[in-house]
Amino acid sequence: ENTLSTDHETFDHYNIPSFQFLQDPISYRTITHHTHLDLPEYIP
């Protein structure tokens, strides 16, 4: 699969083998993503 909306897409455009790491979502998308809670204290 391809994941979107990260900088790997720029390099993929140039046919450079480009890859995005697959990560546990934890609370990233639901709570901290682009909010005032997106702080280092929430990094496991």
PDB file of all heavy atoms in Angstrom:
ATOM      1  N   GLU A   1       0.817  -1.216   0.000  1.00  0.00           N
ATOM      2  CA  GLU A   1       0.000   0.000   0.000  1.00  0.00           C
ATOM      3  C   GLU A   1       0.854   1.270   0.000  1.00  0.00           C
ATOM      4  O   GLU A   1       2.009   1.279   0.393  1.00  0.00           O
ATOM      5  CB  GLU A   1      -0.924   0.017   1.208  1.00  0.00           C
ATOM      6  CG  GLU A   1      -1.946  -1.090   1.214  1.00  0.00           C
ATOM      7  CD  GLU A   1      -2.872  -1.061   0.023  1.00  0.00           C
ATOM      8  OE1 GLU A   1      -3.361   0.030  -0.335  1.00  0.00           O
ATOM      9  OE2 GLU A   1      -3.117  -2.135  -0.549  1.00  0.00           O
ATOM     10  N   ASN A   2       0.187   2.347  -0.398  1.00  0.00           N
ATOM     11  CA  ASN A   2       0.765   3.682  -0.396  1.00  0.00           C
ATOM     12  C   ASN A   2       0.046   4.483   0.683  1.00  0.00           C
ATOM     13  O   ASN A   2      -1.165   4.427   0.788  1.00  0.00           O
ATOM     14  CB  ASN A   2       0.549   4.339  -1.761  1.00  0.00           C
ATOM     15  CG  ASN A   2       1.107   5.735  -1.841  1.00  0.00           C
ATOM     16  OD1 ASN A   2       1.942   6.137  -1.035  1.00  0.00           O
ATOM     17  ND2 ASN A   2       0.648   6.487  -2.814  1.00  0.00           N
ATOM     18  N   THR A   3       0.798   5.196   1.476  1.00  0.00           N
ATOM     19  CA  THR A   3       0.185   6.136   2.394  1.00  0.00           C
ATOM     20  C   THR A   3       0.426   7.527   1.827  1.00  0.00           C
ATOM     21  O   THR A   3       1.428   7.767   1.166  1.00  0.00           O
ATOM     22  CB  THR A   3       0.729   5.991   3.834  1.00  0.00           C
ATOM     23  OG1 THR A   3      -0.022   6.847   4.692  1.00  0.00           O
ATOM     24  CG2 THR A   3       2.198   6.304   3.923  1.00  0.00           C
ATOM     25  N   LEU A   4      -0.483   8.405   2.071  1.00  0.00           N
ATOM     26  CA  LEU A   4      -0.414   9.733   1.463  1.00  0.00           C
ATOM     27  C   LEU A   4      -0.110  10.806   2.493  1.00  0.00           C
ATOM     28  O   LEU A   4      -0.107  10.560   3.691  1.00  0.00           O
ATOM     29  CB  LEU A   4      -1.743  10.040   0.772  1.00  0.00           C
ATOM     30  CG  LEU A   4      -2.147   9.072  -0.333  1.00  0.00           C
ATOM     31  CD1 LEU A   4      -3.558   9.369  -0.812  1.00  0.00           C
ATOM     32  CD2 LEU A   4      -1.166   9.100  -1.485  1.00  0.00           C
ATOM     33  N   SER A   5       0.147  11.984   1.990  1.00  0.00           N
ATOM     34  CA  SER A   5       0.289  13.208   2.781  1.00  0.00           C
ATOM     35  C   SER A   5       1.544  13.250   3.640  1.00  0.00           C
ATOM     36  O   SER A   5       1.537  13.799   4.738  1.00  0.00           O
ATOM     37  CB  SER A   5      -0.957  13.425   3.661  1.00  0.00           C
ATOM     38  OG  SER A   5      -2.102  13.492   2.850  1.00  0.00           O
ATOM     39  N   THR A   6       2.626  12.666   3.148  1.00  0.00           N
ATOM     40  CA  THR A   6       3.922  12.853   3.786  1.00  0.00           C
ATOM     41  C   THR A   6       4.941  13.169   2.698  1.00  0.00           C
ATOM     42  O   THR A   6       4.697  12.980   1.509  1.00  0.00           O
ATOM     43  CB  THR A   6       4.386  11.626   4.611  1.00  0.00           C
ATOM     44  OG1 THR A   6       4.725  10.573   3.719  1.00  0.00           O
ATOM     45  CG2 THR A   6       3.325  11.173   5.601  1.00  0.00           C
ATOM     46  N   ASP A   7       6.111  13.622   3.122  1.00  0.00           N
ATOM     47  CA  ASP A   7       7.118  14.104   2.175  1.00  0.00           C
ATOM     48  C   ASP A   7       7.700  13.029   1.264  1.00  0.00           C
ATOM     49  O   ASP A   7       8.357  13.362   0.282  1.00  0.00           O
ATOM     50  CB  ASP A   7       8.248  14.798   2.942  1.00  0.00           C
ATOM     51  CG  ASP A   7       7.809  16.126   3.518  1.00  0.00           C
ATOM     52  OD1 ASP A   7       7.543  17.050   2.731  1.00  0.00           O
ATOM     53  OD2 ASP A   7       7.706  16.239   4.755  1.00  0.00           O
ATOM     54  N   HIS A   8       7.446  11.770   1.540  1.00  0.00           N
ATOM     55  CA  HIS A   8       7.941  10.737   0.633  1.00  0.00           C
ATOM     56  C   HIS A   8       7.354  10.910  -0.772  1.00  0.00           C
ATOM     57  O   HIS A   8       7.981  10.537  -1.760  1.00  0.00           O
ATOM     58  CB  HIS A   8       7.630   9.337   1.169  1.00  0.00           C
ATOM     59  CG  HIS A   8       6.199   8.964   1.013  1.00  0.00           C
ATOM     60  ND1 HIS A   8       5.223   9.376   1.894  1.00  0.00           N
ATOM     61  CD2 HIS A   8       5.574   8.258   0.046  1.00  0.00           C
ATOM     62  CE1 HIS A   8       4.051   8.922   1.475  1.00  0.00           C
ATOM     63  NE2 HIS A   8       4.235   8.242   0.369  1.00  0.00           N
ATOM     64  N   GLU A   9       6.175  11.509  -0.844  1.00  0.00           N
ATOM     65  CA  GLU A   9       5.536  11.700  -2.149  1.00  0.00           C
ATOM     66  C   GLU A   9       6.379  12.579  -3.076  1.00  0.00           C
ATOM     67  O   GLU A   9       6.397  12.374  -4.285  1.00  0.00           O
ATOM     68  CB  GLU A   9       4.141  12.309  -1.976  1.00  0.00           C
ATOM     69  CG  GLU A   9       3.158  11.366  -1.329  1.00  0.00           C
ATOM     70  CD  GLU A   9       1.791  11.984  -1.229  1.00  0.00           C
ATOM     71  OE1 GLU A   9       1.030  11.870  -2.210  1.00  0.00           O
ATOM     72  OE2 GLU A   9       1.504  12.599  -0.182  1.00  0.00           O
ATOM     73  N   THR A  10       7.069  13.550  -2.512  1.00  0.00           N
ATOM     74  CA  THR A  10       7.937  14.414  -3.320  1.00  0.00           C
ATOM     75  C   THR A  10       8.997  13.584  -4.031  1.00  0.00           C
ATOM     76  O   THR A  10       9.218  13.732  -5.237  1.00  0.00           O
ATOM     77  CB  THR A  10       8.625  15.472  -2.429  1.00  0.00           C
ATOM     78  OG1 THR A  10       7.621  16.269  -1.806  1.00  0.00           O
ATOM     79  CG2 THR A  10       9.575  16.339  -3.222  1.00  0.00           C
ATOM     80  N   PHE A  11       9.645  12.695  -3.303  1.00  0.00           N
ATOM     81  CA  PHE A  11      10.749  11.918  -3.864  1.00  0.00           C
ATOM     82  C   PHE A  11      10.239  10.797  -4.763  1.00  0.00           C
ATOM     83  O   PHE A  11      10.884  10.450  -5.751  1.00  0.00           O
ATOM     84  CB  PHE A  11      11.645  11.410  -2.731  1.00  0.00           C
ATOM     85  CG  PHE A  11      12.273  12.557  -1.997  1.00  0.00           C
ATOM     86  CD1 PHE A  11      11.603  13.171  -0.943  1.00  0.00           C
ATOM     87  CD2 PHE A  11      13.490  13.079  -2.401  1.00  0.00           C
ATOM     88  CE1 PHE A  11      12.148  14.263  -0.291  1.00  0.00           C
ATOM     89  CE2 PHE A  11      14.048  14.173  -1.759  1.00  0.00           C
ATOM     90  CZ  PHE A  11      13.374  14.760  -0.706  1.00  0.00           C
ATOM     91  N   ASP A  12       9.077  10.266  -4.454  1.00  0.00           N
ATOM     92  CA  ASP A  12       8.446   9.283  -5.315  1.00  0.00           C
ATOM     93  C   ASP A  12       8.169   9.884  -6.695  1.00  0.00           C
ATOM     94  O   ASP A  12       8.297   9.212  -7.711  1.00  0.00           O
ATOM     95  CB  ASP A  12       7.148   8.787  -4.662  1.00  0.00           C
ATOM     96  CG  ASP A  12       6.533   7.632  -5.408  1.00  0.00           C
ATOM     97  OD1 ASP A  12       7.198   6.579  -5.518  1.00  0.00           O
ATOM     98  OD2 ASP A  12       5.386   7.773  -5.882  1.00  0.00           O
ATOM     99  N   HIS A  13       7.833  11.160  -6.729  1.00  0.00           N
ATOM    100  CA  HIS A  13       7.590  11.857  -7.995  1.00  0.00           C
ATOM    101  C   HIS A  13       8.816  11.758  -8.918  1.00  0.00           C
ATOM    102  O   HIS A  13       8.680  11.681 -10.134  1.00  0.00           O
ATOM    103  CB  HIS A  13       7.250  13.325  -7.730  1.00  0.00           C
ATOM    104  CG  HIS A  13       7.178  14.147  -8.969  1.00  0.00           C
ATOM    105  ND1 HIS A  13       6.087  14.132  -9.805  1.00  0.00           N
ATOM    106  CD2 HIS A  13       8.088  14.994  -9.536  1.00  0.00           C
ATOM    107  CE1 HIS A  13       6.320  14.940 -10.832  1.00  0.00           C
ATOM    108  NE2 HIS A  13       7.519  15.482 -10.686  1.00  0.00           N
ATOM    109  N   TYR A  14      10.005  11.748  -8.348  1.00  0.00           N
ATOM    110  CA  TYR A  14      11.251  11.677  -9.116  1.00  0.00           C
ATOM    111  C   TYR A  14      11.697  10.234  -9.353  1.00  0.00           C
ATOM    112  O   TYR A  14      12.822   9.988  -9.771  1.00  0.00           O
ATOM    113  CB  TYR A  14      12.353  12.453  -8.389  1.00  0.00           C
ATOM    114  CG  TYR A  14      12.122  13.948  -8.402  1.00  0.00           C
ATOM    115  CD1 TYR A  14      11.470  14.575  -7.348  1.00  0.00           C
ATOM    116  CD2 TYR A  14      12.547  14.731  -9.474  1.00  0.00           C
ATOM    117  CE1 TYR A  14      11.245  15.942  -7.355  1.00  0.00           C
ATOM    118  CE2 TYR A  14      12.326  16.099  -9.491  1.00  0.00           C
ATOM    119  CZ  TYR A  14      11.669  16.688  -8.433  1.00  0.00           C
ATOM    120  OH  TYR A  14      11.446  18.048  -8.453  1.00  0.00           O
ATOM    121  N   ASN A  15      10.831   9.274  -9.069  1.00  0.00           N
ATOM    122  CA  ASN A  15      11.111   7.846  -9.193  1.00  0.00           C
ATOM    123  C   ASN A  15      12.280   7.408  -8.306  1.00  0.00           C
ATOM    124  O   ASN A  15      12.992   6.469  -8.623  1.00  0.00           O
ATOM    125  CB  ASN A  15      11.328   7.408 -10.641  1.00  0.00           C
ATOM    126  CG  ASN A  15      11.142   5.908 -10.794  1.00  0.00           C
ATOM    127  OD1 ASN A  15      10.381   5.277 -10.062  1.00  0.00           O
ATOM    128  ND2 ASN A  15      11.862   5.318 -11.726  1.00  0.00           N
ATOM    129  N   ILE A  16      12.465   8.089  -7.204  1.00  0.00           N
ATOM    130  CA  ILE A  16      13.405   7.649  -6.177  1.00  0.00           C
ATOM    131  C   ILE A  16      12.619   6.683  -5.291  1.00  0.00           C
ATOM    132  O   ILE A  16      11.506   7.011  -4.862  1.00  0.00           O
ATOM    133  CB  ILE A  16      13.917   8.855  -5.369  1.00  0.00           C
ATOM    134  CG1 ILE A  16      14.776   9.750  -6.268  1.00  0.00           C
ATOM    135  CG2 ILE A  16      14.687   8.400  -4.128  1.00  0.00           C
ATOM    136  CD1 ILE A  16      15.126  11.101  -5.658  1.00  0.00           C
ATOM    137  N   PRO A  17      13.148   5.487  -5.030  1.00  0.00           N
ATOM    138  CA  PRO A  17      12.426   4.567  -4.146  1.00  0.00           C
ATOM    139  C   PRO A  17      12.144   5.240  -2.803  1.00  0.00           C
ATOM    140  O   PRO A  17      13.059   5.585  -2.065  1.00  0.00           O
ATOM    141  CB  PRO A  17      13.392   3.392  -3.996  1.00  0.00           C
ATOM    142  CG  PRO A  17      14.233   3.443  -5.240  1.00  0.00           C
ATOM    143  CD  PRO A  17      14.393   4.911  -5.527  1.00  0.00           C
ATOM    144  N   SER A  18      10.878   5.448  -2.506  1.00  0.00           N
ATOM    145  CA  SER A  18      10.462   6.248  -1.349  1.00  0.00           C
ATOM    146  C   SER A  18       9.515   5.441  -0.478  1.00  0.00           C
ATOM    147  O   SER A  18       8.579   4.824  -0.987  1.00  0.00           O
ATOM    148  CB  SER A  18       9.772   7.524  -1.821  1.00  0.00           C
ATOM    149  OG  SER A  18      10.634   8.255  -2.661  1.00  0.00           O
ATOM    150  N   PHE A  19       9.760   5.492   0.818  1.00  0.00           N
ATOM    151  CA  PHE A  19       9.029   4.639   1.737  1.00  0.00           C
ATOM    152  C   PHE A  19       8.666   5.399   3.002  1.00  0.00           C
ATOM    153  O   PHE A  19       9.427   6.220   3.487  1.00  0.00           O
ATOM    154  CB  PHE A  19       9.879   3.417   2.101  1.00  0.00           C
ATOM    155  CG  PHE A  19      10.420   2.717   0.893  1.00  0.00           C
ATOM    156  CD1 PHE A  19      11.695   2.997   0.417  1.00  0.00           C
ATOM    157  CD2 PHE A  19       9.629   1.815   0.197  1.00  0.00           C
ATOM    158  CE1 PHE A  19      12.189   2.376  -0.720  1.00  0.00           C
ATOM    159  CE2 PHE A  19      10.118   1.193  -0.952  1.00  0.00           C
ATOM    160  CZ  PHE A  19      11.395   1.470  -1.407  1.00  0.00           C
ATOM    161  N   GLN A  20       7.496   5.085   3.526  1.00  0.00           N
ATOM    162  CA  GLN A  20       7.019   5.650   4.786  1.00  0.00           C
ATOM    163  C   GLN A  20       6.931   4.513   5.793  1.00  0.00           C
ATOM    164  O   GLN A  20       6.376   3.459   5.488  1.00  0.00           O
ATOM    165  CB  GLN A  20       5.645   6.302   4.595  1.00  0.00           C
ATOM    166  CG  GLN A  20       4.903   6.649   5.859  1.00  0.00           C
ATOM    167  CD  GLN A  20       5.548   7.755   6.662  1.00  0.00           C
ATOM    168  OE1 GLN A  20       6.187   8.651   6.147  1.00  0.00           O
ATOM    169  NE2 GLN A  20       5.402   7.678   7.973  1.00  0.00           N
ATOM    170  N   PHE A  21       7.476   4.723   6.980  1.00  0.00           N
ATOM    171  CA  PHE A  21       7.374   3.705   8.022  1.00  0.00           C
ATOM    172  C   PHE A  21       5.934   3.574   8.500  1.00  0.00           C
ATOM    173  O   PHE A  21       5.205   4.562   8.604  1.00  0.00           O
ATOM    174  CB  PHE A  21       8.290   4.041   9.200  1.00  0.00           C
ATOM    175  CG  PHE A  21       9.741   3.753   8.913  1.00  0.00           C
ATOM    176  CD1 PHE A  21      10.584   4.768   8.496  1.00  0.00           C
ATOM    177  CD2 PHE A  21      10.250   2.474   9.057  1.00  0.00           C
ATOM    178  CE1 PHE A  21      11.914   4.507   8.221  1.00  0.00           C
ATOM    179  CE2 PHE A  21      11.576   2.202   8.785  1.00  0.00           C
ATOM    180  CZ  PHE A  21      12.423   3.222   8.364  1.00  0.00           C
ATOM    181  N   LEU A  22       5.539   2.359   8.779  1.00  0.00           N
ATOM    182  CA  LEU A  22       4.226   2.027   9.322  1.00  0.00           C
ATOM    183  C   LEU A  22       4.358   2.042  10.842  1.00  0.00           C
ATOM    184  O   LEU A  22       5.223   1.386  11.396  1.00  0.00           O
ATOM    185  CB  LEU A  22       3.842   0.634   8.826  1.00  0.00           C
ATOM    186  CG  LEU A  22       2.546   0.009   9.259  1.00  0.00           C
ATOM    187  CD1 LEU A  22       1.374   0.816   8.737  1.00  0.00           C
ATOM    188  CD2 LEU A  22       2.471  -1.415   8.718  1.00  0.00           C
ATOM    189  N   GLN A  23       3.524   2.841  11.511  1.00  0.00           N
ATOM    190  CA  GLN A  23       3.650   3.027  12.953  1.00  0.00           C
ATOM    191  C   GLN A  23       2.343   2.784  13.678  1.00  0.00           C
ATOM    192  O   GLN A  23       1.263   2.943  13.103  1.00  0.00           O
ATOM    193  CB  GLN A  23       4.081   4.469  13.254  1.00  0.00           C
ATOM    194  CG  GLN A  23       5.457   4.828  12.747  1.00  0.00           C
ATOM    195  CD  GLN A  23       5.711   6.304  12.950  1.00  0.00           C
ATOM    196  OE1 GLN A  23       5.564   7.072  12.015  1.00  0.00           O
ATOM    197  NE2 GLN A  23       6.051   6.686  14.169  1.00  0.00           N
ATOM    198  N   ASP A  24       2.466   2.427  14.973  1.00  0.00           N
ATOM    199  CA  ASP A  24       1.288   2.376  15.827  1.00  0.00           C
ATOM    200  C   ASP A  24       0.674   3.767  15.863  1.00  0.00           C
ATOM    201  O   ASP A  24       1.397   4.746  16.054  1.00  0.00           O
ATOM    202  CB  ASP A  24       1.665   1.985  17.257  1.00  0.00           C
ATOM    203  CG  ASP A  24       1.942   0.509  17.413  1.00  0.00           C
ATOM    204  OD1 ASP A  24       1.560  -0.272  16.521  1.00  0.00           O
ATOM    205  OD2 ASP A  24       2.545   0.134  18.437  1.00  0.00           O
ATOM    206  N   PRO A  25      -0.620   3.872  15.711  1.00  0.00           N
ATOM    207  CA  PRO A  25      -1.238   5.205  15.712  1.00  0.00           C
ATOM    208  C   PRO A  25      -1.334   5.833  17.095  1.00  0.00           C
ATOM    209  O   PRO A  25      -1.469   7.042  17.207  1.00  0.00           O
ATOM    210  CB  PRO A  25      -2.627   4.948  15.136  1.00  0.00           C
ATOM    211  CG  PRO A  25      -2.907   3.524  15.425  1.00  0.00           C
ATOM    212  CD  PRO A  25      -1.575   2.816  15.414  1.00  0.00           C
ATOM    213  N   ILE A  26      -1.229   5.042  18.139  1.00  0.00           N
ATOM    214  CA  ILE A  26      -1.489   5.488  19.519  1.00  0.00           C
ATOM    215  C   ILE A  26      -2.634   6.494  19.502  1.00  0.00           C
ATOM    216  O   ILE A  26      -3.681   6.214  18.961  1.00  0.00           O
ATOM    217  CB  ILE A  26      -0.212   5.925  20.281  1.00  0.00           C
ATOM    218  CG1 ILE A  26       0.621   6.938  19.512  1.00  0.00           C
ATOM    219  CG2 ILE A  26       0.623   4.710  20.618  1.00  0.00           C
ATOM    220  CD1 ILE A  26       1.827   7.474  20.259  1.00  0.00           C
ATOM    221  N   SER A  27      -2.454   7.658  20.039  1.00  0.00           N
ATOM    222  CA  SER A  27      -3.539   8.650  20.027  1.00  0.00           C
ATOM    223  C   SER A  27      -3.261   9.764  19.015  1.00  0.00           C
ATOM    224  O   SER A  27      -3.881  10.811  19.059  1.00  0.00           O
ATOM    225  CB  SER A  27      -3.711   9.249  21.419  1.00  0.00           C
ATOM    226  OG  SER A  27      -2.500   9.843  21.838  1.00  0.00           O
ATOM    227  N   TYR A  28      -2.353   9.520  18.093  1.00  0.00           N
ATOM    228  CA  TYR A  28      -1.909  10.559  17.171  1.00  0.00           C
ATOM    229  C   TYR A  28      -3.047  11.162  16.362  1.00  0.00           C
ATOM    230  O   TYR A  28      -3.253  12.362  16.353  1.00  0.00           O
ATOM    231  CB  TYR A  28      -0.843   9.988  16.242  1.00  0.00           C
ATOM    232  CG  TYR A  28      -0.255  10.977  15.270  1.00  0.00           C
ATOM    233  CD1 TYR A  28       0.444  12.093  15.718  1.00  0.00           C
ATOM    234  CD2 TYR A  28      -0.394  10.799  13.906  1.00  0.00           C
ATOM    235  CE1 TYR A  28       0.992  13.000  14.825  1.00  0.00           C
ATOM    236  CE2 TYR A  28       0.157  11.693  13.011  1.00  0.00           C
ATOM    237  CZ  TYR A  28       0.842  12.797  13.477  1.00  0.00           C
ATOM    238  OH  TYR A  28       1.385  13.684  12.603  1.00  0.00           O
ATOM    239  N   ARG A  29      -3.807  10.361  15.679  1.00  0.00           N
ATOM    240  CA  ARG A  29      -4.862  10.886  14.805  1.00  0.00           C
ATOM    241  C   ARG A  29      -6.085  11.368  15.590  1.00  0.00           C
ATOM    242  O   ARG A  29      -6.817  12.219  15.127  1.00  0.00           O
ATOM    243  CB  ARG A  29      -5.298   9.827  13.801  1.00  0.00           C
ATOM    244  CG  ARG A  29      -4.218   9.469  12.821  1.00  0.00           C
ATOM    245  CD  ARG A  29      -4.455  10.144  11.491  1.00  0.00           C
ATOM    246  NE  ARG A  29      -3.457   9.693  10.536  1.00  0.00           N
ATOM    247  CZ  ARG A  29      -2.560  10.496   9.997  1.00  0.00           C
ATOM    248  NH1 ARG A  29      -2.510  11.765  10.322  1.00  0.00           N
ATOM    249  NH2 ARG A  29      -1.705  10.041   9.131  1.00  0.00           N
ATOM    250  N   THR A  30      -6.319  10.797  16.744  1.00  0.00           N
ATOM    251  CA  THR A  30      -7.553  11.099  17.462  1.00  0.00           C
ATOM    252  C   THR A  30      -7.421  12.213  18.488  1.00  0.00           C
ATOM    253  O   THR A  30      -8.402  12.894  18.781  1.00  0.00           O
ATOM    254  CB  THR A  30      -8.081   9.843  18.172  1.00  0.00           C
ATOM    255  OG1 THR A  30      -7.076   9.375  19.071  1.00  0.00           O
ATOM    256  CG2 THR A  30      -8.436   8.752  17.187  1.00  0.00           C
ATOM    257  N   ILE A  31      -6.251  12.396  19.071  1.00  0.00           N
ATOM    258  CA  ILE A  31      -6.122  13.370  20.160  1.00  0.00           C
ATOM    259  C   ILE A  31      -5.032  14.404  19.905  1.00  0.00           C
ATOM    260  O   ILE A  31      -5.283  15.599  19.961  1.00  0.00           O
ATOM    261  CB  ILE A  31      -5.859  12.649  21.502  1.00  0.00           C
ATOM    262  CG1 ILE A  31      -7.049  11.750  21.850  1.00  0.00           C
ATOM    263  CG2 ILE A  31      -5.604  13.657  22.620  1.00  0.00           C
ATOM    264  CD1 ILE A  31      -6.814  10.845  23.027  1.00  0.00           C
ATOM    265  N   THR A  32      -3.818  13.946  19.602  1.00  0.00           N
ATOM    266  CA  THR A  32      -2.695  14.892  19.582  1.00  0.00           C
ATOM    267  C   THR A  32      -2.409  15.520  18.221  1.00  0.00           C
ATOM    268  O   THR A  32      -1.808  16.583  18.158  1.00  0.00           O
ATOM    269  CB  THR A  32      -1.396  14.212  20.085  1.00  0.00           C
ATOM    270  OG1 THR A  32      -1.098  13.107  19.228  1.00  0.00           O
ATOM    271  CG2 THR A  32      -1.544  13.764  21.512  1.00  0.00           C
ATOM    272  N   HIS A  33      -2.803  14.882  17.147  1.00  0.00           N
ATOM    273  CA  HIS A  33      -2.444  15.342  15.802  1.00  0.00           C
ATOM    274  C   HIS A  33      -2.867  16.792  15.556  1.00  0.00           C
ATOM    275  O   HIS A  33      -4.042  17.113  15.532  1.00  0.00           O
ATOM    276  CB  HIS A  33      -3.091  14.410  14.773  1.00  0.00           C
ATOM    277  CG  HIS A  33      -2.670  14.674  13.369  1.00  0.00           C
ATOM    278  ND1 HIS A  33      -3.566  15.012  12.402  1.00  0.00           N
ATOM    279  CD2 HIS A  33      -1.460  14.643  12.767  1.00  0.00           C
ATOM    280  CE1 HIS A  33      -2.936  15.180  11.252  1.00  0.00           C
ATOM    281  NE2 HIS A  33      -1.657  14.958  11.444  1.00  0.00           N
ATOM    282  N   HIS A  34      -1.900  17.648  15.403  1.00  0.00           N
ATOM    283  CA  HIS A  34      -2.122  19.069  15.104  1.00  0.00           C
ATOM    284  C   HIS A  34      -2.998  19.775  16.144  1.00  0.00           C
ATOM    285  O   HIS A  34      -3.840  20.602  15.797  1.00  0.00           O
ATOM    286  CB  HIS A  34      -2.701  19.253  13.706  1.00  0.00           C
ATOM    287  CG  HIS A  34      -1.777  18.801  12.636  1.00  0.00           C
ATOM    288  ND1 HIS A  34      -0.746  19.568  12.191  1.00  0.00           N
ATOM    289  CD2 HIS A  34      -1.696  17.644  11.946  1.00  0.00           C
ATOM    290  CE1 HIS A  34      -0.075  18.911  11.254  1.00  0.00           C
ATOM    291  NE2 HIS A  34      -0.634  17.733  11.101  1.00  0.00           N
ATOM    292  N   THR A  35      -2.785  19.442  17.390  1.00  0.00           N
ATOM    293  CA  THR A  35      -3.506  20.122  18.458  1.00  0.00           C
ATOM    294  C   THR A  35      -2.500  20.669  19.463  1.00  0.00           C
ATOM    295  O   THR A  35      -1.301  20.416  19.363  1.00  0.00           O
ATOM    296  CB  THR A  35      -4.465  19.170  19.213  1.00  0.00           C
ATOM    297  OG1 THR A  35      -3.698  18.276  20.026  1.00  0.00           O
ATOM    298  CG2 THR A  35      -5.356  18.385  18.261  1.00  0.00           C
ATOM    299  N   HIS A  36      -3.003  21.353  20.454  1.00  0.00           N
ATOM    300  CA  HIS A  36      -2.149  21.874  21.520  1.00  0.00           C
ATOM    301  C   HIS A  36      -1.579  20.746  22.385  1.00  0.00           C
ATOM    302  O   HIS A  36      -0.691  20.972  23.193  1.00  0.00           O
ATOM    303  CB  HIS A  36      -2.925  22.879  22.378  1.00  0.00           C
ATOM    304  CG  HIS A  36      -4.046  22.273  23.154  1.00  0.00           C
ATOM    305  ND1 HIS A  36      -5.218  21.860  22.557  1.00  0.00           N
ATOM    306  CD2 HIS A  36      -4.149  21.970  24.461  1.00  0.00           C
ATOM    307  CE1 HIS A  36      -6.013  21.344  23.475  1.00  0.00           C
ATOM    308  NE2 HIS A  36      -5.393  21.399  24.646  1.00  0.00           N
ATOM    309  N   LEU A  37      -2.052  19.516  22.190  1.00  0.00           N
ATOM    310  CA  LEU A  37      -1.534  18.365  22.931  1.00  0.00           C
ATOM    311  C   LEU A  37      -0.412  17.641  22.189  1.00  0.00           C
ATOM    312  O   LEU A  37       0.100  16.635  22.671  1.00  0.00           O
ATOM    313  CB  LEU A  37      -2.668  17.372  23.224  1.00  0.00           C
ATOM    314  CG  LEU A  37      -3.772  17.886  24.136  1.00  0.00           C
ATOM    315  CD1 LEU A  37      -4.895  16.864  24.225  1.00  0.00           C
ATOM    316  CD2 LEU A  37      -3.221  18.198  25.519  1.00  0.00           C
ATOM    317  N   ASP A  38      -0.030  18.132  21.022  1.00  0.00           N
ATOM    318  CA  ASP A  38       1.038  17.516  20.237  1.00  0.00           C
ATOM    319  C   ASP A  38       2.380  17.942  20.830  1.00  0.00           C
ATOM    320  O   ASP A  38       3.078  18.808  20.305  1.00  0.00           O
ATOM    321  CB  ASP A  38       0.907  17.945  18.780  1.00  0.00           C
ATOM    322  CG  ASP A  38       1.582  16.967  17.824  1.00  0.00           C
ATOM    323  OD1 ASP A  38       2.332  16.094  18.294  1.00  0.00           O
ATOM    324  OD2 ASP A  38       1.352  17.096  16.612  1.00  0.00           O
ATOM    325  N   LEU A  39       2.732  17.324  21.945  1.00  0.00           N
ATOM    326  CA  LEU A  39       3.899  17.719  22.737  1.00  0.00           C
ATOM    327  C   LEU A  39       4.826  16.528  22.964  1.00  0.00           C
ATOM    328  O   LEU A  39       4.382  15.373  22.969  1.00  0.00           O
ATOM    329  CB  LEU A  39       3.446  18.244  24.111  1.00  0.00           C
ATOM    330  CG  LEU A  39       2.519  19.450  24.104  1.00  0.00           C
ATOM    331  CD1 LEU A  39       1.905  19.656  25.477  1.00  0.00           C
ATOM    332  CD2 LEU A  39       3.279  20.686  23.648  1.00  0.00           C
ATOM    333  N   PRO A  40       6.109  16.787  23.195  1.00  0.00           N
ATOM    334  CA  PRO A  40       7.056  15.689  23.462  1.00  0.00           C
ATOM    335  C   PRO A  40       6.654  14.805  24.642  1.00  0.00           C
ATOM    336  O   PRO A  40       6.981  13.623  24.676  1.00  0.00           O
ATOM    337  CB  PRO A  40       8.377  16.416  23.751  1.00  0.00           C
ATOM    338  CG  PRO A  40       8.251  17.728  23.076  1.00  0.00           C
ATOM    339  CD  PRO A  40       6.791  18.073  23.123  1.00  0.00           C
ATOM    340  N   GLU A  41       5.927  15.357  25.592  1.00  0.00           N
ATOM    341  CA  GLU A  41       5.504  14.569  26.759  1.00  0.00           C
ATOM    342  C   GLU A  41       4.621  13.378  26.388  1.00  0.00           C
ATOM    343  O   GLU A  41       4.491  12.432  27.158  1.00  0.00           O
ATOM    344  CB  GLU A  41       4.753  15.455  27.766  1.00  0.00           C
ATOM    345  CG  GLU A  41       5.621  16.473  28.466  1.00  0.00           C
ATOM    346  CD  GLU A  41       5.887  17.741  27.639  1.00  0.00           C
ATOM    347  OE1 GLU A  41       5.252  17.938  26.591  1.00  0.00           O
ATOM    348  OE2 GLU A  41       6.750  18.527  28.044  1.00  0.00           O
ATOM    349  N   TYR A  42       4.013  13.416  25.216  1.00  0.00           N
ATOM    350  CA  TYR A  42       3.135  12.333  24.791  1.00  0.00           C
ATOM    351  C   TYR A  42       3.857  11.280  23.958  1.00  0.00           C
ATOM    352  O   TYR A  42       3.235  10.355  23.453  1.00  0.00           O
ATOM    353  CB  TYR A  42       1.939  12.886  24.011  1.00  0.00           C
ATOM    354  CG  TYR A  42       0.969  13.609  24.915  1.00  0.00           C
ATOM    355  CD1 TYR A  42       0.997  14.990  25.029  1.00  0.00           C
ATOM    356  CD2 TYR A  42       0.041  12.895  25.670  1.00  0.00           C
ATOM    357  CE1 TYR A  42       0.117  15.651  25.872  1.00  0.00           C
ATOM    358  CE2 TYR A  42      -0.840  13.547  26.516  1.00  0.00           C
ATOM    359  CZ  TYR A  42      -0.793  14.921  26.615  1.00  0.00           C
ATOM    360  OH  TYR A  42      -1.653  15.561  27.451  1.00  0.00           O
ATOM    361  N   ILE A  43       5.159  11.406  23.807  1.00  0.00           N
ATOM    362  CA  ILE A  43       5.937  10.422  23.057  1.00  0.00           C
ATOM    363  C   ILE A  43       6.300   9.272  23.996  1.00  0.00           C
ATOM    364  O   ILE A  43       6.949   9.497  25.014  1.00  0.00           O
ATOM    365  CB  ILE A  43       7.220  11.055  22.481  1.00  0.00           C
ATOM    366  CG1 ILE A  43       6.864  12.172  21.500  1.00  0.00           C
ATOM    367  CG2 ILE A  43       8.086   9.988  21.814  1.00  0.00           C
ATOM    368  CD1 ILE A  43       8.048  12.981  21.024  1.00  0.00           C
ATOM    369  N   PRO A  44       5.896   8.039  23.660  1.00  0.00           N
ATOM    370  CA  PRO A  44       6.285   6.900  24.495  1.00  0.00           C
ATOM    371  C   PRO A  44       7.800   6.684  24.410  1.00  0.00           C
ATOM    372  O   PRO A  44       8.344   6.423  23.332  1.00  0.00           O
ATOM    373  CB  PRO A  44       5.528   5.717  23.883  1.00  0.00           C
ATOM    374  CG  PRO A  44       4.444   6.335  23.041  1.00  0.00           C
ATOM    375  CD  PRO A  44       4.977   7.667  22.596  1.00  0.00           C
TER     376      PRO A  44
END
